[in-house]
Every structure is written in structure tokens, then in C-alpha cells.
Amino acid sequence: MFEIKNVFGKTIFSSPTARNAQDAVIESFREEVSLFEVDLSGANLYSMNFAGVNLAGANMQGANLSSANFKFAKLNGANFKKANLSWASMKNAILTWADLSNAKCFGTDFRGANLARARLVGTYLTRASLAGANLRDVDFGEGGEPDQSSEG
């Protein structure tokens, strides 16, 4: 049995057949369970398809989200601290007030994403694409800008 909890520790989905977080998330999609404020911290969700999903307020701290698809997803206020988002697609996603501090975003596609007021302190953005992204009031920390090797 595998349970998915929200950020307050309340079980929002329980699966008697899921072997891991990825299986449970896929089953929750089939059951149309809301993943608003879901806690997926530390989960291995490599290559998961979250396109268009409302994950506002989600806790994905330390999760492996490499190659995941977040196109058009609602991720406002989500916690991605220390998450691996390498080669993920955040194209046209809503990331207002999201925290991506110390996240690994190597090659991540943020084209057209709304990152207004997001926190990207210590975020690894090498080869990330930020073309057309809304970067208004983004907190990059001391340097104030993404590293010079970022595209976009």
C-alpha cells in the first residue's frame, strides 16, 4: 500500500497496488484526485507527465523530477528546493512564488513560464532556456541574475 499525503500530513490518496510514488501518482490521475498542496518530497518521479496539472503549493523538495513534463502546469507557491529538474519542461507553466532554491535545472525549458516572484537562489541554470519567461521580481540571491551560461 502506498499513500499520497498533502503538506499537512493528511492522506489524499491511498493505493493498495502502487509500489512507489510514481505508480501512486499515475493511479491518482486516473481517479482524478486533486494534487493541490501534495507532498511528493524526495520522490523519484523521473519523466513523469504533469502537463496541465494543478500542483499549486506542492512540496517537491529533493524530488527527482528530471525529464518530467510540467507544460502548462499550475505550480504557484510550489517548493522545489534541492529538486532535480534537469531536462524537465516547464514551458508555459505558472511558477509564481515558487521556490527553486538550490534546484538542479540543467537544460530545463522555462520558455514562456511565469516565474514572477519566484526564488531561484543558488539554482543551477546551465543550459536552461528562459526565453519569453516572466522573470519580474525573481530572487536570484546575491548575484541578482542567472549564471552567464544560461540560454535565453
N, C-alpha and C. Protein backbone atom coordinates (compact mmCIF):
# COMPACT_ATOMS: atom_id res chain seq x y z
N MET A 1 0.84 -1.17 0.00
CA MET A 1 0.00 0.00 0.00
C MET A 1 0.89 1.24 0.00
N PHE A 2 0.51 2.21 -0.81
CA PHE A 2 1.25 3.47 -0.89
C PHE A 2 0.25 4.62 -0.73
N GLU A 3 0.60 5.57 0.13
CA GLU A 3 -0.27 6.72 0.38
C GLU A 3 0.37 8.00 -0.13
N ILE A 4 -0.46 8.89 -0.66
CA ILE A 4 -0.02 10.23 -1.02
C ILE A 4 -0.65 11.17 0.00
N LYS A 5 0.19 11.99 0.61
CA LYS A 5 -0.30 12.93 1.63
C LYS A 5 -0.15 14.35 1.14
N ASN A 6 -0.91 15.26 1.76
CA ASN A 6 -0.73 16.68 1.46
C ASN A 6 0.33 17.24 2.39
N VAL A 7 0.62 18.53 2.24
CA VAL A 7 1.68 19.16 3.03
C VAL A 7 1.33 19.24 4.51
N PHE A 8 0.09 18.93 4.87
CA PHE A 8 -0.34 18.94 6.27
C PHE A 8 -0.35 17.54 6.88
N GLY A 9 0.07 16.54 6.09
CA GLY A 9 0.16 15.16 6.58
C GLY A 9 -1.12 14.36 6.42
N LYS A 10 -2.14 14.94 5.82
CA LYS A 10 -3.41 14.24 5.62
C LYS A 10 -3.33 13.38 4.35
N THR A 11 -3.75 12.13 4.43
CA THR A 11 -3.77 11.24 3.27
C THR A 11 -4.83 11.72 2.29
N ILE A 12 -4.40 11.96 1.03
CA ILE A 12 -5.35 12.40 0.00
C ILE A 12 -5.60 11.30 -1.03
N PHE A 13 -4.74 10.27 -1.03
CA PHE A 13 -4.94 9.14 -1.94
C PHE A 13 -4.21 7.94 -1.37
N SER A 14 -4.86 6.80 -1.40
CA SER A 14 -4.26 5.57 -0.91
C SER A 14 -4.43 4.50 -1.98
N SER A 15 -3.34 3.81 -2.29
CA SER A 15 -3.38 2.77 -3.31
C SER A 15 -2.87 1.45 -2.74
N PRO A 16 -3.69 0.41 -2.80
CA PRO A 16 -3.23 -0.89 -2.32
C PRO A 16 -2.28 -1.59 -3.29
N THR A 17 -2.21 -1.10 -4.55
CA THR A 17 -1.39 -1.78 -5.55
C THR A 17 -0.12 -1.03 -5.94
N ALA A 18 -0.02 0.28 -5.62
CA ALA A 18 1.15 1.07 -6.01
C ALA A 18 2.40 0.58 -5.27
N ARG A 19 3.50 0.46 -6.02
CA ARG A 19 4.77 0.04 -5.44
C ARG A 19 5.63 1.22 -5.01
N ASN A 20 5.33 2.41 -5.59
CA ASN A 20 6.16 3.58 -5.32
C ASN A 20 5.35 4.84 -5.60
N ALA A 21 5.98 6.00 -5.39
CA ALA A 21 5.30 7.29 -5.58
C ALA A 21 4.83 7.47 -7.02
N GLN A 22 5.64 7.07 -7.98
CA GLN A 22 5.26 7.24 -9.38
C GLN A 22 4.00 6.45 -9.71
N ASP A 23 3.91 5.20 -9.28
CA ASP A 23 2.71 4.40 -9.50
C ASP A 23 1.49 5.04 -8.85
N ALA A 24 1.67 5.53 -7.62
CA ALA A 24 0.56 6.15 -6.89
C ALA A 24 0.07 7.42 -7.57
N VAL A 25 1.00 8.24 -8.08
CA VAL A 25 0.61 9.46 -8.78
C VAL A 25 -0.17 9.12 -10.06
N ILE A 26 0.29 8.13 -10.80
CA ILE A 26 -0.41 7.72 -12.02
C ILE A 26 -1.82 7.24 -11.68
N GLU A 27 -1.96 6.45 -10.64
CA GLU A 27 -3.29 5.99 -10.22
C GLU A 27 -4.16 7.17 -9.78
N SER A 28 -3.57 8.14 -9.09
CA SER A 28 -4.35 9.30 -8.63
C SER A 28 -4.87 10.10 -9.82
N PHE A 29 -4.10 10.15 -10.92
CA PHE A 29 -4.57 10.83 -12.13
C PHE A 29 -5.83 10.13 -12.66
N ARG A 30 -5.79 8.81 -12.69
CA ARG A 30 -6.94 8.04 -13.19
C ARG A 30 -8.19 8.28 -12.33
N GLU A 31 -7.98 8.45 -11.03
CA GLU A 31 -9.08 8.68 -10.09
C GLU A 31 -9.46 10.15 -10.00
N GLU A 32 -8.74 11.00 -10.75
CA GLU A 32 -8.97 12.45 -10.77
C GLU A 32 -8.87 13.07 -9.38
N VAL A 33 -7.87 12.63 -8.61
CA VAL A 33 -7.61 13.17 -7.28
C VAL A 33 -6.89 14.51 -7.42
N SER A 34 -7.30 15.49 -6.63
CA SER A 34 -6.62 16.79 -6.64
C SER A 34 -5.25 16.65 -5.99
N LEU A 35 -4.23 17.16 -6.66
CA LEU A 35 -2.88 17.13 -6.10
C LEU A 35 -2.46 18.50 -5.58
N PHE A 36 -3.43 19.37 -5.33
CA PHE A 36 -3.19 20.67 -4.73
C PHE A 36 -2.55 20.45 -3.35
N GLU A 37 -1.42 21.11 -3.11
CA GLU A 37 -0.66 21.03 -1.86
C GLU A 37 -0.20 19.60 -1.53
N VAL A 38 0.05 18.79 -2.55
CA VAL A 38 0.52 17.43 -2.35
C VAL A 38 1.97 17.44 -1.84
N ASP A 39 2.33 16.44 -1.05
CA ASP A 39 3.71 16.30 -0.57
C ASP A 39 4.37 15.14 -1.31
N LEU A 40 5.23 15.49 -2.27
CA LEU A 40 5.99 14.49 -3.03
C LEU A 40 7.49 14.68 -2.78
N SER A 41 7.83 15.21 -1.61
CA SER A 41 9.23 15.48 -1.29
C SER A 41 10.03 14.18 -1.33
N GLY A 42 11.20 14.26 -1.97
CA GLY A 42 12.11 13.12 -2.06
C GLY A 42 11.68 12.01 -3.00
N ALA A 43 10.54 12.16 -3.67
CA ALA A 43 10.03 11.09 -4.55
C ALA A 43 10.82 11.02 -5.85
N ASN A 44 10.90 9.81 -6.41
CA ASN A 44 11.52 9.61 -7.72
C ASN A 44 10.41 9.64 -8.76
N LEU A 45 10.28 10.79 -9.45
CA LEU A 45 9.23 10.97 -10.45
C LEU A 45 9.85 11.28 -11.80
N TYR A 46 10.95 10.59 -12.10
CA TYR A 46 11.67 10.75 -13.36
C TYR A 46 10.71 10.59 -14.53
N SER A 47 10.74 11.56 -15.44
CA SER A 47 9.99 11.51 -16.70
C SER A 47 8.47 11.49 -16.53
N MET A 48 7.99 11.91 -15.37
CA MET A 48 6.54 11.92 -15.09
C MET A 48 5.85 13.01 -15.91
N ASN A 49 4.64 12.75 -16.35
CA ASN A 49 3.88 13.72 -17.13
C ASN A 49 2.87 14.45 -16.23
N PHE A 50 3.20 15.70 -15.88
CA PHE A 50 2.33 16.55 -15.07
C PHE A 50 1.73 17.67 -15.93
N ALA A 51 1.70 17.51 -17.23
CA ALA A 51 1.23 18.58 -18.12
C ALA A 51 -0.19 19.02 -17.74
N GLY A 52 -0.33 20.32 -17.48
CA GLY A 52 -1.62 20.90 -17.18
C GLY A 52 -2.17 20.61 -15.79
N VAL A 53 -1.43 19.90 -14.96
CA VAL A 53 -1.91 19.51 -13.63
C VAL A 53 -1.77 20.66 -12.64
N ASN A 54 -2.73 20.79 -11.73
CA ASN A 54 -2.68 21.80 -10.67
C ASN A 54 -1.90 21.23 -9.49
N LEU A 55 -0.66 21.67 -9.34
CA LEU A 55 0.20 21.27 -8.23
C LEU A 55 0.56 22.48 -7.38
N ALA A 56 -0.34 23.47 -7.34
CA ALA A 56 -0.09 24.68 -6.56
C ALA A 56 0.16 24.29 -5.10
N GLY A 57 1.18 24.90 -4.52
CA GLY A 57 1.50 24.66 -3.12
C GLY A 57 2.13 23.31 -2.84
N ALA A 58 2.47 22.55 -3.87
CA ALA A 58 3.05 21.21 -3.68
C ALA A 58 4.44 21.29 -3.07
N ASN A 59 4.79 20.26 -2.30
CA ASN A 59 6.13 20.14 -1.76
C ASN A 59 6.86 19.04 -2.53
N MET A 60 7.82 19.46 -3.35
CA MET A 60 8.61 18.52 -4.13
C MET A 60 10.09 18.65 -3.79
N GLN A 61 10.34 19.11 -2.58
CA GLN A 61 11.72 19.31 -2.14
C GLN A 61 12.51 18.01 -2.25
N GLY A 62 13.67 18.11 -2.91
CA GLY A 62 14.57 16.97 -3.05
C GLY A 62 14.09 15.87 -3.97
N ALA A 63 13.01 16.09 -4.69
CA ALA A 63 12.47 15.05 -5.59
C ALA A 63 13.29 14.96 -6.88
N ASN A 64 13.32 13.78 -7.47
CA ASN A 64 13.93 13.59 -8.78
C ASN A 64 12.83 13.79 -9.81
N LEU A 65 12.85 14.94 -10.47
CA LEU A 65 11.86 15.30 -11.48
C LEU A 65 12.53 15.48 -12.84
N SER A 66 13.70 14.88 -13.01
CA SER A 66 14.43 15.05 -14.27
C SER A 66 13.59 14.49 -15.41
N SER A 67 13.61 15.20 -16.52
CA SER A 67 12.87 14.87 -17.74
C SER A 67 11.35 14.87 -17.55
N ALA A 68 10.85 15.42 -16.45
CA ALA A 68 9.40 15.50 -16.23
C ALA A 68 8.78 16.57 -17.11
N ASN A 69 7.50 16.40 -17.42
CA ASN A 69 6.78 17.35 -18.25
C ASN A 69 5.79 18.14 -17.38
N PHE A 70 6.06 19.44 -17.21
CA PHE A 70 5.20 20.34 -16.45
C PHE A 70 4.59 21.41 -17.36
N LYS A 71 4.49 21.14 -18.66
CA LYS A 71 3.94 22.14 -19.59
C LYS A 71 2.55 22.56 -19.13
N PHE A 72 2.34 23.88 -19.03
CA PHE A 72 1.06 24.49 -18.66
C PHE A 72 0.58 24.08 -17.27
N ALA A 73 1.45 23.53 -16.44
CA ALA A 73 1.06 23.14 -15.08
C ALA A 73 0.95 24.37 -14.17
N LYS A 74 0.11 24.27 -13.16
CA LYS A 74 -0.04 25.33 -12.16
C LYS A 74 0.82 24.94 -10.96
N LEU A 75 1.94 25.65 -10.82
CA LEU A 75 2.92 25.32 -9.79
C LEU A 75 3.16 26.50 -8.85
N ASN A 76 2.21 27.43 -8.79
CA ASN A 76 2.42 28.61 -7.97
C ASN A 76 2.56 28.20 -6.50
N GLY A 77 3.59 28.79 -5.87
CA GLY A 77 3.86 28.52 -4.47
C GLY A 77 4.45 27.15 -4.19
N ALA A 78 4.81 26.40 -5.21
CA ALA A 78 5.37 25.05 -5.02
C ALA A 78 6.80 25.13 -4.49
N ASN A 79 7.20 24.11 -3.74
CA ASN A 79 8.53 24.01 -3.17
C ASN A 79 9.34 22.98 -3.96
N PHE A 80 10.33 23.49 -4.71
CA PHE A 80 11.23 22.63 -5.49
C PHE A 80 12.66 22.72 -4.94
N LYS A 81 12.83 23.10 -3.69
CA LYS A 81 14.18 23.23 -3.12
C LYS A 81 14.94 21.92 -3.30
N LYS A 82 16.16 22.05 -3.81
CA LYS A 82 17.08 20.92 -3.99
C LYS A 82 16.52 19.80 -4.87
N ALA A 83 15.50 20.08 -5.65
CA ALA A 83 14.94 19.07 -6.56
C ALA A 83 15.81 18.98 -7.82
N ASN A 84 15.78 17.83 -8.46
CA ASN A 84 16.48 17.65 -9.74
C ASN A 84 15.45 17.83 -10.85
N LEU A 85 15.54 18.96 -11.55
CA LEU A 85 14.64 19.28 -12.65
C LEU A 85 15.39 19.28 -13.99
N SER A 86 16.53 18.61 -14.04
CA SER A 86 17.32 18.59 -15.27
C SER A 86 16.51 18.04 -16.43
N TRP A 87 16.56 18.75 -17.53
CA TRP A 87 15.89 18.42 -18.78
C TRP A 87 14.36 18.35 -18.65
N ALA A 88 13.82 18.89 -17.58
CA ALA A 88 12.36 18.95 -17.43
C ALA A 88 11.81 20.06 -18.31
N SER A 89 10.54 19.95 -18.67
CA SER A 89 9.87 21.01 -19.41
C SER A 89 8.91 21.74 -18.49
N MET A 90 9.20 23.02 -18.28
CA MET A 90 8.33 23.92 -17.50
C MET A 90 7.71 24.94 -18.45
N LYS A 91 7.66 24.59 -19.72
CA LYS A 91 7.19 25.51 -20.75
C LYS A 91 5.76 25.98 -20.45
N ASN A 92 5.59 27.29 -20.37
CA ASN A 92 4.30 27.94 -20.12
C ASN A 92 3.68 27.57 -18.77
N ALA A 93 4.48 27.08 -17.84
CA ALA A 93 3.98 26.74 -16.51
C ALA A 93 3.85 28.01 -15.66
N ILE A 94 2.98 27.96 -14.68
CA ILE A 94 2.82 29.07 -13.73
C ILE A 94 3.61 28.72 -12.48
N LEU A 95 4.68 29.47 -12.25
CA LEU A 95 5.58 29.23 -11.12
C LEU A 95 5.69 30.45 -10.20
N THR A 96 4.65 31.28 -10.17
CA THR A 96 4.71 32.46 -9.31
C THR A 96 4.88 32.03 -7.85
N TRP A 97 5.75 32.72 -7.15
CA TRP A 97 6.06 32.47 -5.74
C TRP A 97 6.64 31.08 -5.48
N ALA A 98 7.01 30.33 -6.51
CA ALA A 98 7.62 29.00 -6.31
C ALA A 98 9.04 29.16 -5.79
N ASP A 99 9.50 28.18 -5.06
CA ASP A 99 10.86 28.19 -4.51
C ASP A 99 11.68 27.09 -5.17
N LEU A 100 12.63 27.52 -6.02
CA LEU A 100 13.52 26.59 -6.71
C LEU A 100 14.95 26.72 -6.18
N SER A 101 15.09 27.16 -4.95
CA SER A 101 16.41 27.36 -4.36
C SER A 101 17.23 26.08 -4.40
N ASN A 102 18.46 26.22 -4.88
CA ASN A 102 19.42 25.11 -4.95
C ASN A 102 18.91 23.92 -5.77
N ALA A 103 17.95 24.16 -6.64
CA ALA A 103 17.47 23.10 -7.53
C ALA A 103 18.44 22.94 -8.70
N LYS A 104 18.51 21.74 -9.23
CA LYS A 104 19.35 21.46 -10.39
C LYS A 104 18.45 21.54 -11.62
N CYS A 105 18.64 22.59 -12.42
CA CYS A 105 17.81 22.85 -13.60
C CYS A 105 18.67 22.84 -14.86
N PHE A 106 19.56 21.86 -14.99
CA PHE A 106 20.42 21.74 -16.16
C PHE A 106 19.55 21.42 -17.37
N GLY A 107 19.57 22.31 -18.37
CA GLY A 107 18.83 22.10 -19.60
C GLY A 107 17.31 22.21 -19.45
N THR A 108 16.83 22.72 -18.34
CA THR A 108 15.39 22.84 -18.11
C THR A 108 14.79 23.90 -19.04
N ASP A 109 13.62 23.61 -19.58
CA ASP A 109 12.94 24.52 -20.50
C ASP A 109 11.89 25.33 -19.75
N PHE A 110 12.23 26.61 -19.51
CA PHE A 110 11.31 27.54 -18.85
C PHE A 110 10.69 28.52 -19.84
N ARG A 111 10.75 28.22 -21.14
CA ARG A 111 10.25 29.16 -22.14
C ARG A 111 8.77 29.47 -21.89
N GLY A 112 8.46 30.77 -21.82
CA GLY A 112 7.09 31.22 -21.63
C GLY A 112 6.53 31.00 -20.24
N ALA A 113 7.34 30.50 -19.32
CA ALA A 113 6.86 30.25 -17.96
C ALA A 113 6.72 31.57 -17.19
N ASN A 114 5.80 31.58 -16.23
CA ASN A 114 5.63 32.74 -15.36
C ASN A 114 6.34 32.45 -14.05
N LEU A 115 7.52 33.07 -13.89
CA LEU A 115 8.34 32.89 -12.69
C LEU A 115 8.31 34.13 -11.80
N ALA A 116 7.31 34.98 -11.96
CA ALA A 116 7.23 36.21 -11.18
C ALA A 116 7.30 35.90 -9.69
N ARG A 117 8.19 36.60 -9.01
CA ARG A 117 8.38 36.50 -7.56
C ARG A 117 8.88 35.13 -7.09
N ALA A 118 9.36 34.31 -8.02
CA ALA A 118 9.91 33.01 -7.64
C ALA A 118 11.28 33.20 -6.99
N ARG A 119 11.70 32.20 -6.26
CA ARG A 119 13.00 32.23 -5.58
C ARG A 119 13.91 31.21 -6.27
N LEU A 120 15.02 31.72 -6.84
CA LEU A 120 15.98 30.87 -7.54
C LEU A 120 17.38 31.04 -6.98
N VAL A 121 17.50 31.19 -5.69
CA VAL A 121 18.78 31.39 -5.03
C VAL A 121 19.59 30.10 -5.09
N GLY A 122 20.76 30.17 -5.69
CA GLY A 122 21.64 29.01 -5.80
C GLY A 122 21.17 27.97 -6.80
N THR A 123 20.19 28.32 -7.62
CA THR A 123 19.65 27.38 -8.61
C THR A 123 20.63 27.21 -9.76
N TYR A 124 20.89 25.98 -10.16
CA TYR A 124 21.80 25.63 -11.23
C TYR A 124 21.04 25.73 -12.54
N LEU A 125 21.34 26.76 -13.35
CA LEU A 125 20.57 27.03 -14.57
C LEU A 125 21.37 26.85 -15.86
N THR A 126 22.49 26.14 -15.81
CA THR A 126 23.29 25.96 -17.01
C THR A 126 22.47 25.26 -18.09
N ARG A 127 22.50 25.84 -19.29
CA ARG A 127 21.80 25.37 -20.48
C ARG A 127 20.27 25.43 -20.35
N ALA A 128 19.77 26.07 -19.30
CA ALA A 128 18.32 26.25 -19.16
C ALA A 128 17.87 27.32 -20.15
N SER A 129 16.66 27.19 -20.65
CA SER A 129 16.11 28.17 -21.57
C SER A 129 15.06 29.00 -20.83
N LEU A 130 15.30 30.33 -20.79
CA LEU A 130 14.39 31.25 -20.11
C LEU A 130 13.75 32.21 -21.10
N ALA A 131 13.82 31.91 -22.40
CA ALA A 131 13.28 32.81 -23.43
C ALA A 131 11.79 33.02 -23.23
N GLY A 132 11.38 34.27 -23.18
CA GLY A 132 9.98 34.60 -23.05
C GLY A 132 9.39 34.38 -21.67
N ALA A 133 10.22 33.99 -20.71
CA ALA A 133 9.74 33.75 -19.35
C ALA A 133 9.53 35.08 -18.62
N ASN A 134 8.55 35.15 -17.77
CA ASN A 134 8.32 36.32 -16.92
C ASN A 134 9.21 36.18 -15.70
N LEU A 135 10.23 37.04 -15.63
CA LEU A 135 11.19 37.00 -14.53
C LEU A 135 11.05 38.21 -13.60
N ARG A 136 9.88 38.82 -13.59
CA ARG A 136 9.64 40.00 -12.78
C ARG A 136 9.77 39.65 -11.29
N ASP A 137 10.62 40.42 -10.62
CA ASP A 137 10.84 40.30 -9.17
C ASP A 137 11.33 38.92 -8.74
N VAL A 138 12.02 38.19 -9.62
CA VAL A 138 12.61 36.91 -9.25
C VAL A 138 13.79 37.15 -8.31
N ASP A 139 13.91 36.35 -7.28
CA ASP A 139 15.01 36.45 -6.33
C ASP A 139 16.09 35.45 -6.74
N PHE A 140 17.19 36.01 -7.33
CA PHE A 140 18.32 35.17 -7.72
C PHE A 140 19.40 35.18 -6.64
N GLY A 141 19.18 35.86 -5.54
CA GLY A 141 20.16 35.93 -4.47
C GLY A 141 21.17 37.02 -4.71
N GLU A 142 22.35 36.85 -4.17
CA GLU A 142 23.41 37.86 -4.20
C GLU A 142 23.76 38.35 -5.59
N GLY A 143 23.88 37.44 -6.56
CA GLY A 143 24.28 37.83 -7.91
C GLY A 143 23.21 38.61 -8.65
N GLY A 144 21.98 38.35 -8.35
CA GLY A 144 20.87 39.07 -8.94
C GLY A 144 20.48 38.64 -10.34
N GLU A 145 21.23 37.72 -10.97
CA GLU A 145 20.92 37.26 -12.33
C GLU A 145 21.32 35.80 -12.45
N PRO A 146 20.71 35.08 -13.42
CA PRO A 146 21.14 33.70 -13.64
C PRO A 146 22.58 33.69 -14.14
N ASP A 147 23.25 32.54 -13.98
CA ASP A 147 24.64 32.49 -14.43
C ASP A 147 24.74 32.73 -15.93
N GLN A 148 25.89 33.17 -16.36
CA GLN A 148 26.08 33.62 -17.74
C GLN A 148 26.00 32.50 -18.77
N SER A 149 26.04 31.25 -18.33
CA SER A 149 25.97 30.14 -19.29
C SER A 149 24.53 29.74 -19.61
N SER A 150 23.55 30.40 -18.97
CA SER A 150 22.14 30.10 -19.26
C SER A 150 21.76 30.66 -20.61
N GLU A 151 20.93 29.95 -21.34
CA GLU A 151 20.45 30.42 -22.63
C GLU A 151 19.16 31.19 -22.42
N GLY A 152 18.84 32.05 -23.38
CA GLY A 152 17.53 32.63 -23.35
C GLY A 152 17.51 34.09 -23.23
